[in-house]
Amino acid sequence: MRDPRLAARLIPGVIFLIFGAAKFLNHGAEVDSFETYGLPSPDAFVYAIGTIEVVGGALLVLGMGTRLVALVLAGDMVGAIVVSGIGEGELISLTLAPALLIAMLYLLMRGAGDRSLDARLGWNGQSRTLAE
């Protein structure tokens, strides 16, 4: 794999899809977890975070809107680290969430790469000429 941005999109993208889908498939258990965090309206939070992670994960896999998606998912990971990791000592929020945060910061700085919809649509932050 020549461009590490592809792996930085695909691997976290699939992870976000899985964790986001779990918030819908195991909704009751997720709401119970979110209640322990002391957040208002844990039911609404589970749906909101699940939607962010499913949609964001799918967009990462496609490489569409990558920088904006990475920014939103980085915020999601900061929230996970602070609320469930530091606040509750949950191991996954102290291990996987920081790794995903680093990947999102990398994508935020570097963009989606050549093998992405961003590149095909000219959204990769580089100017395009008529000759392209």
C-alpha atoms as a PDB file:
ATOM      1  CA  MET A   1       0.000   0.000   0.000  1.00  0.00           C
ATOM      2  CA  ARG A   2       1.730   3.122  -1.224  1.00  0.00           C
ATOM      3  CA  ASP A   3      -0.444   5.788   0.365  1.00  0.00           C
ATOM      4  CA  PRO A   4      -0.916   5.407   4.135  1.00  0.00           C
ATOM      5  CA  ARG A   5      -3.964   7.675   3.917  1.00  0.00           C
ATOM      6  CA  LEU A   6      -5.960   4.812   2.427  1.00  0.00           C
ATOM      7  CA  ALA A   7      -5.313   2.618   5.478  1.00  0.00           C
ATOM      8  CA  ALA A   8      -5.872   5.623   7.767  1.00  0.00           C
ATOM      9  CA  ARG A   9      -9.345   5.929   6.238  1.00  0.00           C
ATOM     10  CA  LEU A  10     -10.356   2.300   5.759  1.00  0.00           C
ATOM     11  CA  ILE A  11      -9.364   0.779   9.101  1.00  0.00           C
ATOM     12  CA  PRO A  12     -10.888   3.502  11.306  1.00  0.00           C
ATOM     13  CA  GLY A  13     -13.848   3.778   8.925  1.00  0.00           C
ATOM     14  CA  VAL A  14     -14.751   0.123   9.448  1.00  0.00           C
ATOM     15  CA  ILE A  15     -14.202   0.440  13.209  1.00  0.00           C
ATOM     16  CA  PHE A  16     -16.526   3.460  13.364  1.00  0.00           C
ATOM     17  CA  LEU A  17     -19.127   1.589  11.295  1.00  0.00           C
ATOM     18  CA  ILE A  18     -19.030  -1.382  13.690  1.00  0.00           C
ATOM     19  CA  PHE A  19     -19.172   0.680  16.875  1.00  0.00           C
ATOM     20  CA  GLY A  20     -21.838   2.984  15.442  1.00  0.00           C
ATOM     21  CA  ALA A  21     -24.010   0.068  14.323  1.00  0.00           C
ATOM     22  CA  ALA A  22     -23.698  -1.455  17.792  1.00  0.00           C
ATOM     23  CA  LYS A  23     -25.336   1.657  19.214  1.00  0.00           C
ATOM     24  CA  PHE A  24     -28.461   0.753  17.230  1.00  0.00           C
ATOM     25  CA  LEU A  25     -28.264  -3.046  17.478  1.00  0.00           C
ATOM     26  CA  ASN A  26     -27.584  -3.053  21.244  1.00  0.00           C
ATOM     27  CA  HIS A  27     -29.409   0.178  21.953  1.00  0.00           C
ATOM     28  CA  GLY A  28     -30.608  -0.698  25.470  1.00  0.00           C
ATOM     29  CA  ALA A  29     -27.160  -1.725  26.679  1.00  0.00           C
ATOM     30  CA  GLU A  30     -25.630   1.385  25.122  1.00  0.00           C
ATOM     31  CA  VAL A  31     -28.218   3.618  26.835  1.00  0.00           C
ATOM     32  CA  ASP A  32     -27.387   1.929  30.154  1.00  0.00           C
ATOM     33  CA  SER A  33     -23.697   2.707  29.586  1.00  0.00           C
ATOM     34  CA  PHE A  34     -24.416   6.307  28.627  1.00  0.00           C
ATOM     35  CA  GLU A  35     -26.540   6.744  31.773  1.00  0.00           C
ATOM     36  CA  THR A  36     -23.467   5.979  33.898  1.00  0.00           C
ATOM     37  CA  TYR A  37     -21.663   8.881  32.206  1.00  0.00           C
ATOM     38  CA  GLY A  38     -24.153  11.357  33.638  1.00  0.00           C
ATOM     39  CA  LEU A  39     -25.098  12.760  30.244  1.00  0.00           C
ATOM     40  CA  PRO A  40     -28.524  14.334  29.808  1.00  0.00           C
ATOM     41  CA  SER A  41     -30.883  12.325  27.548  1.00  0.00           C
ATOM     42  CA  PRO A  42     -28.664   9.241  27.170  1.00  0.00           C
ATOM     43  CA  ASP A  43     -31.149   7.721  24.699  1.00  0.00           C
ATOM     44  CA  ALA A  44     -30.773  10.704  22.369  1.00  0.00           C
ATOM     45  CA  PHE A  45     -26.989  10.696  22.834  1.00  0.00           C
ATOM     46  CA  VAL A  46     -26.766   7.027  21.803  1.00  0.00           C
ATOM     47  CA  TYR A  47     -28.749   7.708  18.619  1.00  0.00           C
ATOM     48  CA  ALA A  48     -26.739  10.847  17.840  1.00  0.00           C
ATOM     49  CA  ILE A  49     -23.333   9.246  18.417  1.00  0.00           C
ATOM     50  CA  GLY A  50     -24.415   6.102  16.568  1.00  0.00           C
ATOM     51  CA  THR A  51     -25.458   8.185  13.573  1.00  0.00           C
ATOM     52  CA  ILE A  52     -22.229  10.182  13.620  1.00  0.00           C
ATOM     53  CA  GLU A  53     -20.158   6.997  13.738  1.00  0.00           C
ATOM     54  CA  VAL A  54     -22.104   5.080  11.058  1.00  0.00           C
ATOM     55  CA  VAL A  55     -22.299   7.978   8.607  1.00  0.00           C
ATOM     56  CA  GLY A  56     -18.770   9.135   9.409  1.00  0.00           C
ATOM     57  CA  GLY A  57     -17.369   5.623   9.068  1.00  0.00           C
ATOM     58  CA  ALA A  58     -19.066   5.134   5.691  1.00  0.00           C
ATOM     59  CA  LEU A  59     -17.784   8.498   4.442  1.00  0.00           C
ATOM     60  CA  LEU A  60     -14.250   7.641   5.583  1.00  0.00           C
ATOM     61  CA  VAL A  61     -14.352   4.347   3.691  1.00  0.00           C
ATOM     62  CA  LEU A  62     -15.480   6.212   0.574  1.00  0.00           C
ATOM     63  CA  GLY A  63     -13.030   9.052   1.167  1.00  0.00           C
ATOM     64  CA  MET A  64     -15.744  11.674   0.840  1.00  0.00           C
ATOM     65  CA  GLY A  65     -15.642  14.885   2.856  1.00  0.00           C
ATOM     66  CA  THR A  66     -12.707  13.349   4.681  1.00  0.00           C
ATOM     67  CA  ARG A  67     -11.321  16.399   6.451  1.00  0.00           C
ATOM     68  CA  LEU A  68     -14.709  17.488   7.793  1.00  0.00           C
ATOM     69  CA  VAL A  69     -15.611  13.918   8.761  1.00  0.00           C
ATOM     70  CA  ALA A  70     -12.237  13.494  10.485  1.00  0.00           C
ATOM     71  CA  LEU A  71     -12.852  16.686  12.467  1.00  0.00           C
ATOM     72  CA  VAL A  72     -16.277  15.495  13.638  1.00  0.00           C
ATOM     73  CA  LEU A  73     -15.006  12.004  14.508  1.00  0.00           C
ATOM     74  CA  ALA A  74     -11.988  13.493  16.316  1.00  0.00           C
ATOM     75  CA  GLY A  75     -14.455  15.390  18.502  1.00  0.00           C
ATOM     76  CA  ASP A  76     -16.347  12.143  19.054  1.00  0.00           C
ATOM     77  CA  MET A  77     -13.124  10.475  20.216  1.00  0.00           C
ATOM     78  CA  VAL A  78     -12.194  13.362  22.513  1.00  0.00           C
ATOM     79  CA  GLY A  79     -15.631  12.966  24.088  1.00  0.00           C
ATOM     80  CA  ALA A  80     -15.149   9.205  24.463  1.00  0.00           C
ATOM     81  CA  ILE A  81     -11.706   9.646  26.013  1.00  0.00           C
ATOM     82  CA  VAL A  82     -12.862  12.301  28.486  1.00  0.00           C
ATOM     83  CA  VAL A  83     -16.290  10.944  29.422  1.00  0.00           C
ATOM     84  CA  SER A  84     -15.909   7.171  29.391  1.00  0.00           C
ATOM     85  CA  GLY A  85     -12.141   6.784  29.411  1.00  0.00           C
ATOM     86  CA  ILE A  86     -10.940   9.270  32.002  1.00  0.00           C
ATOM     87  CA  GLY A  87     -14.318   9.626  33.711  1.00  0.00           C
ATOM     88  CA  GLU A  88     -15.187   5.930  33.975  1.00  0.00           C
ATOM     89  CA  GLY A  89     -11.870   4.175  33.325  1.00  0.00           C
ATOM     90  CA  GLU A  90     -13.212   2.191  30.368  1.00  0.00           C
ATOM     91  CA  LEU A  91     -10.268   0.467  28.722  1.00  0.00           C
ATOM     92  CA  ILE A  92     -11.489   0.775  25.138  1.00  0.00           C
ATOM     93  CA  SER A  93     -11.847   4.537  25.564  1.00  0.00           C
ATOM     94  CA  LEU A  94      -8.300   4.722  26.900  1.00  0.00           C
ATOM     95  CA  THR A  95      -6.786   2.565  24.131  1.00  0.00           C
ATOM     96  CA  LEU A  96      -8.775   2.440  20.893  1.00  0.00           C
ATOM     97  CA  ALA A  97     -10.246   5.944  21.131  1.00  0.00           C
ATOM     98  CA  PRO A  98      -6.814   7.661  21.341  1.00  0.00           C
ATOM     99  CA  ALA A  99      -5.601   5.597  18.367  1.00  0.00           C
ATOM    100  CA  LEU A 100      -8.667   6.627  16.365  1.00  0.00           C
ATOM    101  CA  LEU A 101      -8.141  10.237  17.450  1.00  0.00           C
ATOM    102  CA  ILE A 102      -4.576  10.142  16.101  1.00  0.00           C
ATOM    103  CA  ALA A 103      -5.808   8.677  12.805  1.00  0.00           C
ATOM    104  CA  MET A 104      -8.463  11.414  12.530  1.00  0.00           C
ATOM    105  CA  LEU A 105      -5.887  14.149  13.204  1.00  0.00           C
ATOM    106  CA  TYR A 106      -3.648  12.611  10.529  1.00  0.00           C
ATOM    107  CA  LEU A 107      -6.508  12.644   8.002  1.00  0.00           C
ATOM    108  CA  LEU A 108      -7.447  16.162   9.018  1.00  0.00           C
ATOM    109  CA  MET A 109      -3.915  17.322   8.200  1.00  0.00           C
ATOM    110  CA  ARG A 110      -3.190  15.118   5.178  1.00  0.00           C
ATOM    111  CA  GLY A 111      -6.582  14.628   3.529  1.00  0.00           C
ATOM    112  CA  ALA A 112      -8.064  11.520   1.944  1.00  0.00           C
ATOM    113  CA  GLY A 113      -5.366  10.682  -0.580  1.00  0.00           C
ATOM    114  CA  ASP A 114      -5.524   9.876  -4.277  1.00  0.00           C
ATOM    115  CA  ARG A 115      -7.730   6.788  -3.926  1.00  0.00           C
ATOM    116  CA  SER A 116     -10.791   8.624  -2.647  1.00  0.00           C
ATOM    117  CA  LEU A 117     -13.939  10.332  -3.815  1.00  0.00           C
ATOM    118  CA  ASP A 118     -12.461  13.566  -2.499  1.00  0.00           C
ATOM    119  CA  ALA A 119      -9.672  13.287  -5.091  1.00  0.00           C
ATOM    120  CA  ARG A 120     -12.070  12.348  -7.894  1.00  0.00           C
ATOM    121  CA  LEU A 121     -14.321  15.287  -7.054  1.00  0.00           C
ATOM    122  CA  GLY A 122     -11.416  17.708  -6.602  1.00  0.00           C
ATOM    123  CA  TRP A 123     -12.155  18.117  -2.890  1.00  0.00           C
ATOM    124  CA  ASN A 124      -8.680  17.130  -1.725  1.00  0.00           C
ATOM    125  CA  GLY A 125      -7.509  20.683  -1.203  1.00  0.00           C
ATOM    126  CA  GLN A 126      -5.397  20.820  -4.348  1.00  0.00           C
ATOM    127  CA  SER A 127      -6.259  23.056  -7.234  1.00  0.00           C
ATOM    128  CA  ARG A 128      -7.173  21.342 -10.484  1.00  0.00           C
ATOM    129  CA  THR A 129      -6.277  22.545 -13.938  1.00  0.00           C
ATOM    130  CA  LEU A 130      -8.300  22.244 -17.141  1.00  0.00           C
ATOM    131  CA  ALA A 131      -5.772  19.710 -18.428  1.00  0.00           C
ATOM    132  CA  GLU A 132      -6.723  17.219 -15.710  1.00  0.00           C
END
